[in-house]
PDB file of N, CA and C in Angstrom:
ATOM      1  N   MET A   1     126.267  36.705  45.681  1.00  0.00           N
ATOM      2  CA  MET A   1     126.285  37.959  44.956  1.00  0.00           C
ATOM      3  C   MET A   1     127.268  37.901  43.791  1.00  0.00           C
ATOM      4  N   LYS A   2     128.437  37.324  44.066  1.00  0.00           N
ATOM      5  CA  LYS A   2     129.450  37.247  43.030  1.00  0.00           C
ATOM      6  C   LYS A   2     129.010  36.316  41.900  1.00  0.00           C
ATOM      7  N   SER A   3     128.387  35.204  42.229  1.00  0.00           N
ATOM      8  CA  SER A   3     127.959  34.275  41.191  1.00  0.00           C
ATOM      9  C   SER A   3     126.831  34.875  40.357  1.00  0.00           C
ATOM     10  N   ARG A   4     125.975  35.674  40.959  1.00  0.00           N
ATOM     11  CA  ARG A   4     124.886  36.303  40.215  1.00  0.00           C
ATOM     12  C   ARG A   4     125.457  37.305  39.201  1.00  0.00           C
ATOM     13  N   ARG A   5     126.492  38.046  39.615  1.00  0.00           N
ATOM     14  CA  ARG A   5     127.131  39.012  38.722  1.00  0.00           C
ATOM     15  C   ARG A   5     127.842  38.278  37.582  1.00  0.00           C
ATOM     16  N   ASN A   6     128.447  37.131  37.885  1.00  0.00           N
ATOM     17  CA  ASN A   6     129.156  36.347  36.896  1.00  0.00           C
ATOM     18  C   ASN A   6     128.181  35.798  35.852  1.00  0.00           C
ATOM     19  N   VAL A   7     127.020  35.321  36.274  1.00  0.00           N
ATOM     20  CA  VAL A   7     126.019  34.788  35.350  1.00  0.00           C
ATOM     21  C   VAL A   7     125.492  35.910  34.466  1.00  0.00           C
ATOM     22  N   SER A   8     125.263  37.068  35.044  1.00  0.00           N
ATOM     23  CA  SER A   8     124.786  38.213  34.274  1.00  0.00           C
ATOM     24  C   SER A   8     125.820  38.633  33.237  1.00  0.00           C
ATOM     25  N   SER A   9     127.074  38.598  33.617  1.00  0.00           N
ATOM     26  CA  SER A   9     128.148  38.949  32.700  1.00  0.00           C
ATOM     27  C   SER A   9     128.218  37.954  31.553  1.00  0.00           C
ATOM     28  N   ARG A  10     128.086  36.689  31.854  1.00  0.00           N
ATOM     29  CA  ARG A  10     128.119  35.665  30.803  1.00  0.00           C
ATOM     30  C   ARG A  10     126.953  35.804  29.843  1.00  0.00           C
ATOM     31  N   LYS A  11     125.763  36.100  30.368  1.00  0.00           N
ATOM     32  CA  LYS A  11     124.602  36.295  29.506  1.00  0.00           C
ATOM     33  C   LYS A  11     124.801  37.495  28.592  1.00  0.00           C
ATOM     34  N   SER A  12     125.390  38.544  29.135  1.00  0.00           N
ATOM     35  CA  SER A  12     125.647  39.745  28.347  1.00  0.00           C
ATOM     36  C   SER A  12     126.631  39.450  27.224  1.00  0.00           C
ATOM     37  N   ILE A  13     127.709  38.750  27.536  1.00  0.00           N
ATOM     38  CA  ILE A  13     128.705  38.417  26.522  1.00  0.00           C
ATOM     39  C   ILE A  13     128.102  37.498  25.461  1.00  0.00           C
ATOM     40  N   LEU A  14     127.326  36.514  25.894  1.00  0.00           N
ATOM     41  CA  LEU A  14     126.702  35.591  24.950  1.00  0.00           C
ATOM     42  C   LEU A  14     125.743  36.323  24.023  1.00  0.00           C
ATOM     43  N   SER A  15     124.980  37.261  24.541  1.00  0.00           N
ATOM     44  CA  SER A  15     124.048  37.999  23.689  1.00  0.00           C
ATOM     45  C   SER A  15     124.795  38.874  22.686  1.00  0.00           C
ATOM     46  N   TRP A  16     125.929  39.475  23.088  1.00  0.00           N
ATOM     47  CA  TRP A  16     126.733  40.272  22.159  1.00  0.00           C
ATOM     48  C   TRP A  16     127.298  39.390  21.048  1.00  0.00           C
ATOM     49  N   VAL A  17     127.823  38.239  21.407  1.00  0.00           N
ATOM     50  CA  VAL A  17     128.410  37.345  20.409  1.00  0.00           C
ATOM     51  C   VAL A  17     127.345  36.871  19.427  1.00  0.00           C
ATOM     52  N   LEU A  18     126.201  36.469  19.932  1.00  0.00           N
ATOM     53  CA  LEU A  18     125.132  36.015  19.041  1.00  0.00           C
ATOM     54  C   LEU A  18     124.633  37.148  18.157  1.00  0.00           C
ATOM     55  N   GLY A  19     124.571  38.349  18.710  1.00  0.00           N
ATOM     56  CA  GLY A  19     124.155  39.501  17.914  1.00  0.00           C
ATOM     57  C   GLY A  19     125.137  39.811  16.806  1.00  0.00           C
ATOM     58  N   LEU A  20     126.425  39.753  17.119  1.00  0.00           N
ATOM     59  CA  LEU A  20     127.434  40.018  16.097  1.00  0.00           C
ATOM     60  C   LEU A  20     127.465  38.930  15.032  1.00  0.00           C
ATOM     61  N   LEU A  21     127.234  37.689  15.422  1.00  0.00           N
ATOM     62  CA  LEU A  21     127.182  36.609  14.435  1.00  0.00           C
ATOM     63  C   LEU A  21     125.976  36.777  13.519  1.00  0.00           C
ATOM     64  N   GLY A  22     124.898  37.276  14.068  1.00  0.00           N
ATOM     65  CA  GLY A  22     123.704  37.505  13.267  1.00  0.00           C
ATOM     66  C   GLY A  22     123.892  38.618  12.255  1.00  0.00           C
ATOM     67  N   LEU A  23     124.712  39.601  12.580  1.00  0.00           N
ATOM     68  CA  LEU A  23     124.945  40.700  11.652  1.00  0.00           C
ATOM     69  C   LEU A  23     125.780  40.264  10.448  1.00  0.00           C
ATOM     70  N   GLY A  24     126.555  39.225  10.592  1.00  0.00           N
ATOM     71  CA  GLY A  24     127.388  38.752   9.485  1.00  0.00           C
ATOM     72  C   GLY A  24     126.557  38.246   8.318  1.00  0.00           C
ATOM     73  N   ALA A  25     125.376  37.735   8.565  1.00  0.00           N
ATOM     74  CA  ALA A  25     124.538  37.212   7.498  1.00  0.00           C
ATOM     75  C   ALA A  25     124.002  38.334   6.617  1.00  0.00           C
ATOM     76  N   LEU A  26     123.879  39.548   7.156  1.00  0.00           N
ATOM     77  CA  LEU A  26     123.341  40.657   6.386  1.00  0.00           C
ATOM     78  C   LEU A  26     124.398  41.313   5.499  1.00  0.00           C
ATOM     79  N   SER A  27     125.633  41.037   5.743  1.00  0.00           N
ATOM     80  CA  SER A  27     126.715  41.704   5.022  1.00  0.00           C
ATOM     81  C   SER A  27     126.894  41.104   3.641  1.00  0.00           C
ATOM     82  N   THR A  28     126.988  41.972   2.635  1.00  0.00           N
ATOM     83  CA  THR A  28     127.258  41.518   1.273  1.00  0.00           C
ATOM     84  C   THR A  28     128.454  42.295   0.714  1.00  0.00           C
ATOM     85  N   ALA A  29     129.488  42.454   1.526  1.00  0.00           N
ATOM     86  CA  ALA A  29     130.653  43.232   1.136  1.00  0.00           C
ATOM     87  C   ALA A  29     131.590  42.410   0.262  1.00  0.00           C
ATOM     88  N   TYR A  30     132.370  43.129  -0.558  1.00  0.00           N
ATOM     89  CA  TYR A  30     133.347  42.497  -1.430  1.00  0.00           C
ATOM     90  C   TYR A  30     134.620  43.340  -1.377  1.00  0.00           C
ATOM     91  N   ILE A  31     135.741  42.685  -1.160  1.00  0.00           N
ATOM     92  CA  ILE A  31     137.020  43.381  -1.166  1.00  0.00           C
ATOM     93  C   ILE A  31     137.743  42.985  -2.440  1.00  0.00           C
ATOM     94  N   ASP A  32     137.905  43.942  -3.343  1.00  0.00           N
ATOM     95  CA  ASP A  32     138.591  43.652  -4.595  1.00  0.00           C
ATOM     96  C   ASP A  32     140.100  43.640  -4.378  1.00  0.00           C
ATOM     97  N   PRO A  33     140.864  43.158  -5.346  1.00  0.00           N
ATOM     98  CA  PRO A  33     142.319  43.065  -5.176  1.00  0.00           C
ATOM     99  C   PRO A  33     142.981  44.416  -4.899  1.00  0.00           C
ATOM    100  N   GLY A  34     142.472  45.491  -5.471  1.00  0.00           N
ATOM    101  CA  GLY A  34     143.041  46.816  -5.223  1.00  0.00           C
ATOM    102  C   GLY A  34     142.901  47.225  -3.763  1.00  0.00           C
ATOM    103  N   SER A  35     141.749  46.951  -3.180  1.00  0.00           N
ATOM    104  CA  SER A  35     141.536  47.277  -1.769  1.00  0.00           C
ATOM    105  C   SER A  35     142.399  46.398  -0.873  1.00  0.00           C
ATOM    106  N   GLY A  36     142.519  45.137  -1.237  1.00  0.00           N
ATOM    107  CA  GLY A  36     143.345  44.226  -0.453  1.00  0.00           C
ATOM    108  C   GLY A  36     144.806  44.639  -0.468  1.00  0.00           C
ATOM    109  N   SER A  37     145.307  45.032  -1.640  1.00  0.00           N
ATOM    110  CA  SER A  37     146.704  45.460  -1.705  1.00  0.00           C
ATOM    111  C   SER A  37     146.906  46.777  -0.971  1.00  0.00           C
ATOM    112  N   PHE A  38     145.904  47.653  -0.960  1.00  0.00           N
ATOM    113  CA  PHE A  38     146.005  48.900  -0.205  1.00  0.00           C
ATOM    114  C   PHE A  38     146.074  48.626   1.293  1.00  0.00           C
ATOM    115  N   ILE A  39     145.300  47.672   1.771  1.00  0.00           N
ATOM    116  CA  ILE A  39     145.323  47.307   3.193  1.00  0.00           C
ATOM    117  C   ILE A  39     146.688  46.724   3.557  1.00  0.00           C
ATOM    118  N   ILE A  40     147.230  45.864   2.706  1.00  0.00           N
ATOM    119  CA  ILE A  40     148.553  45.290   2.958  1.00  0.00           C
ATOM    120  C   ILE A  40     149.619  46.386   2.944  1.00  0.00           C
ATOM    121  N   GLN A  41     149.529  47.308   1.984  1.00  0.00           N
ATOM    122  CA  GLN A  41     150.484  48.408   1.892  1.00  0.00           C
ATOM    123  C   GLN A  41     150.431  49.283   3.148  1.00  0.00           C
ATOM    124  N   ALA A  42     149.239  49.571   3.646  1.00  0.00           N
ATOM    125  CA  ALA A  42     149.100  50.384   4.857  1.00  0.00           C
ATOM    126  C   ALA A  42     149.676  49.659   6.069  1.00  0.00           C
ATOM    127  N   ALA A  43     149.471  48.353   6.155  1.00  0.00           N
ATOM    128  CA  ALA A  43     150.009  47.585   7.278  1.00  0.00           C
ATOM    129  C   ALA A  43     151.538  47.561   7.243  1.00  0.00           C
ATOM    130  N   VAL A  44     152.122  47.345   6.067  1.00  0.00           N
ATOM    131  CA  VAL A  44     153.585  47.333   5.942  1.00  0.00           C
ATOM    132  C   VAL A  44     154.151  48.709   6.261  1.00  0.00           C
ATOM    133  N   ALA A  45     153.499  49.766   5.798  1.00  0.00           N
ATOM    134  CA  ALA A  45     153.963  51.123   6.077  1.00  0.00           C
ATOM    135  C   ALA A  45     153.903  51.428   7.570  1.00  0.00           C
ATOM    136  N   ALA A  46     152.861  50.965   8.244  1.00  0.00           N
ATOM    137  CA  ALA A  46     152.749  51.189   9.684  1.00  0.00           C
ATOM    138  C   ALA A  46     153.852  50.453  10.443  1.00  0.00           C
ATOM    139  N   ILE A  47     154.135  49.237  10.039  1.00  0.00           N
ATOM    140  CA  ILE A  47     155.186  48.464  10.710  1.00  0.00           C
ATOM    141  C   ILE A  47     156.550  49.101  10.488  1.00  0.00           C
ATOM    142  N   LEU A  48     156.863  49.448   9.242  1.00  0.00           N
ATOM    143  CA  LEU A  48     158.163  50.056   8.953  1.00  0.00           C
ATOM    144  C   LEU A  48     158.284  51.435   9.587  1.00  0.00           C
ATOM    145  N   GLY A  49     157.207  52.196   9.610  1.00  0.00           N
ATOM    146  CA  GLY A  49     157.232  53.498  10.266  1.00  0.00           C
ATOM    147  C   GLY A  49     157.481  53.367  11.760  1.00  0.00           C
ATOM    148  N   SER A  50     156.887  52.361  12.378  1.00  0.00           N
ATOM    149  CA  SER A  50     157.120  52.130  13.803  1.00  0.00           C
ATOM    150  C   SER A  50     158.568  51.752  14.068  1.00  0.00           C
ATOM    151  N   VAL A  51     159.128  50.908  13.211  1.00  0.00           N
ATOM    152  CA  VAL A  51     160.524  50.504  13.377  1.00  0.00           C
ATOM    153  C   VAL A  51     161.445  51.711  13.256  1.00  0.00           C
ATOM    154  N   LEU A  52     161.218  52.550  12.264  1.00  0.00           N
ATOM    155  CA  LEU A  52     162.061  53.729  12.081  1.00  0.00           C
ATOM    156  C   LEU A  52     161.894  54.733  13.214  1.00  0.00           C
ATOM    157  N   LEU A  53     160.692  54.873  13.731  1.00  0.00           N
ATOM    158  CA  LEU A  53     160.457  55.780  14.857  1.00  0.00           C
ATOM    159  C   LEU A  53     161.182  55.298  16.101  1.00  0.00           C
ATOM    160  N   ILE A  54     161.122  54.008  16.365  1.00  0.00           N
ATOM    161  CA  ILE A  54     161.831  53.449  17.518  1.00  0.00           C
ATOM    162  C   ILE A  54     163.334  53.600  17.330  1.00  0.00           C
ATOM    163  N   ARG A  55     163.803  53.372  16.108  1.00  0.00           N
ATOM    164  CA  ARG A  55     165.236  53.503  15.836  1.00  0.00           C
ATOM    165  C   ARG A  55     165.707  54.941  16.043  1.00  0.00           C
ATOM    166  N   ALA A  56     164.905  55.903  15.659  1.00  0.00           N
ATOM    167  CA  ALA A  56     165.286  57.306  15.783  1.00  0.00           C
ATOM    168  C   ALA A  56     165.358  57.750  17.238  1.00  0.00           C
ATOM    169  N   PHE A  57     164.478  57.224  18.076  1.00  0.00           N
ATOM    170  CA  PHE A  57     164.409  57.649  19.469  1.00  0.00           C
ATOM    171  C   PHE A  57     164.914  56.587  20.438  1.00  0.00           C
ATOM    172  N   TRP A  58     165.743  55.651  19.976  1.00  0.00           N
ATOM    173  CA  TRP A  58     166.172  54.531  20.812  1.00  0.00           C
ATOM    174  C   TRP A  58     166.912  54.991  22.062  1.00  0.00           C
ATOM    175  N   LYS A  59     167.796  55.961  21.940  1.00  0.00           N
ATOM    176  CA  LYS A  59     168.564  56.418  23.102  1.00  0.00           C
ATOM    177  C   LYS A  59     167.649  57.031  24.159  1.00  0.00           C
ATOM    178  N   GLN A  60     166.665  57.797  23.739  1.00  0.00           N
ATOM    179  CA  GLN A  60     165.731  58.389  24.695  1.00  0.00           C
ATOM    180  C   GLN A  60     164.866  57.316  25.358  1.00  0.00           C
ATOM    181  N   ILE A  61     164.496  56.298  24.599  1.00  0.00           N
ATOM    182  CA  ILE A  61     163.678  55.216  25.156  1.00  0.00           C
ATOM    183  C   ILE A  61     164.476  54.447  26.197  1.00  0.00           C
ATOM    184  N   VAL A  62     165.736  54.130  25.888  1.00  0.00           N
ATOM    185  CA  VAL A  62     166.582  53.405  26.828  1.00  0.00           C
ATOM    186  C   VAL A  62     166.844  54.262  28.067  1.00  0.00           C
ATOM    187  N   ALA A  63     167.092  55.553  27.873  1.00  0.00           N
ATOM    188  CA  ALA A  63     167.347  56.439  29.013  1.00  0.00           C
ATOM    189  C   ALA A  63     166.119  56.546  29.917  1.00  0.00           C
ATOM    190  N   MET A  64     164.943  56.479  29.340  1.00  0.00           N
ATOM    191  CA  MET A  64     163.724  56.583  30.141  1.00  0.00           C
ATOM    192  C   MET A  64     163.560  55.365  31.049  1.00  0.00           C
ATOM    193  N   PHE A  65     164.005  54.196  30.597  1.00  0.00           N
ATOM    194  CA  PHE A  65     163.834  52.986  31.383  1.00  0.00           C
ATOM    195  C   PHE A  65     165.086  52.575  32.154  1.00  0.00           C
ATOM    196  N   SER A  66     166.170  53.320  32.027  1.00  0.00           N
ATOM    197  CA  SER A  66     167.380  52.948  32.745  1.00  0.00           C
ATOM    198  C   SER A  66     167.278  53.375  34.204  1.00  0.00           C
ATOM    199  N   ARG A  67     167.942  52.649  35.065  1.00  0.00           N
ATOM    200  CA  ARG A  67     167.883  52.923  36.494  1.00  0.00           C
ATOM    201  C   ARG A  67     168.925  53.939  36.924  1.00  0.00           C
ATOM    202  N   LYS A  68     170.016  54.012  36.204  1.00  0.00           N
ATOM    203  CA  LYS A  68     171.106  54.873  36.598  1.00  0.00           C
ATOM    204  C   LYS A  68     170.831  56.311  36.124  1.00  0.00           C
ATOM    205  N   PRO A  69     170.689  57.250  37.039  1.00  0.00           N
ATOM    206  CA  PRO A  69     170.456  58.635  36.611  1.00  0.00           C
ATOM    207  C   PRO A  69     171.752  59.252  36.090  1.00  0.00           C
ATOM    208  N   LYS A  70     171.623  60.214  35.232  1.00  0.00           N
ATOM    209  CA  LYS A  70     172.798  60.886  34.692  1.00  0.00           C
ATOM    210  C   LYS A  70     173.406  61.775  35.765  1.00  0.00           C
ATOM    211  N   SER A  71     174.717  61.705  35.899  1.00  0.00           N
ATOM    212  CA  SER A  71     175.401  62.565  36.862  1.00  0.00           C
ATOM    213  C   SER A  71     176.131  63.671  36.110  1.00  0.00           C
ATOM    214  N   PRO A  72     176.329  64.813  36.736  1.00  0.00           N
ATOM    215  CA  PRO A  72     177.002  65.916  36.043  1.00  0.00           C
ATOM    216  C   PRO A  72     178.445  65.592  35.665  1.00  0.00           C
ATOM    217  N   GLU A  73     179.114  64.665  36.382  1.00  0.00           N
ATOM    218  CA  GLU A  73     180.495  64.325  36.053  1.00  0.00           C
ATOM    219  C   GLU A  73     180.610  63.605  34.716  1.00  0.00           C
ATOM    220  N   ASP A  74     179.548  62.883  34.321  1.00  0.00           N
ATOM    221  CA  ASP A  74     179.585  62.115  33.082  1.00  0.00           C
ATOM    222  C   ASP A  74     179.555  63.019  31.842  1.00  0.00           C
ATOM    223  N   GLU A  75     179.014  64.200  31.976  1.00  0.00           N
ATOM    224  CA  GLU A  75     178.873  65.090  30.826  1.00  0.00           C
ATOM    225  C   GLU A  75     180.197  65.828  30.591  1.00  0.00           C
ATOM    226  N   THR A  76     180.521  65.996  29.328  1.00  0.00           N
ATOM    227  CA  THR A  76     181.724  66.741  29.000  1.00  0.00           C
ATOM    228  C   THR A  76     181.388  68.226  28.949  1.00  0.00           C
ATOM    229  N   PRO A  77     182.282  69.079  29.404  1.00  0.00           N
ATOM    230  CA  PRO A  77     181.998  70.515  29.376  1.00  0.00           C
ATOM    231  C   PRO A  77     182.011  71.031  27.936  1.00  0.00           C
ATOM    232  N   PRO A  78     181.288  72.103  27.670  1.00  0.00           N
ATOM    233  CA  PRO A  78     181.262  72.633  26.307  1.00  0.00           C
ATOM    234  C   PRO A  78     182.626  73.196  25.937  1.00  0.00           C
ATOM    235  N   ALA A  79     182.952  73.023  24.677  1.00  0.00           N
ATOM    236  CA  ALA A  79     184.250  73.502  24.194  1.00  0.00           C
ATOM    237  C   ALA A  79     184.245  75.019  24.095  1.00  0.00           C
ATOM    238  N   THR A  80     185.333  75.635  24.525  1.00  0.00           N
ATOM    239  CA  THR A  80     185.451  77.091  24.408  1.00  0.00           C
ATOM    240  C   THR A  80     186.230  77.413  23.151  1.00  0.00           C
ATOM    241  N   PRO A  81     185.800  78.409  22.417  1.00  0.00           N
ATOM    242  CA  PRO A  81     186.524  78.750  21.188  1.00  0.00           C
ATOM    243  C   PRO A  81     187.884  79.371  21.509  1.00  0.00           C
ATOM    244  N   SER A  82     188.888  78.901  20.837  1.00  0.00           N
ATOM    245  CA  SER A  82     190.219  79.469  21.043  1.00  0.00           C
ATOM    246  C   SER A  82     190.425  80.608  20.068  1.00  0.00           C
ATOM    247  N   GLY A  83     190.988  81.619  20.575  1.00  0.00           N
ATOM    248  CA  GLY A  83     191.023  82.703  19.651  1.00  0.00           C
ATOM    249  C   GLY A  83     192.131  83.590  19.735  1.00  0.00           C
TER     250      GLY A  83
END
């Protein structure tokens, strides 16, 4: 039973790959330099945006994965105004 399912899966994958390779012959697309630079610009912006987002929330990310829970003794009490 398992080998029959495996053969069926392989046939399915092979037919998808051959179908996708066949579609490439019909394509007559052209990417001009302006489109290429826009794609590069979007990729760089996504990478830098991800870095800045991680940097902004780094303490929360570390706290989420840390094993030591926060205890009330570690927190400093709020300052009272002297007056």
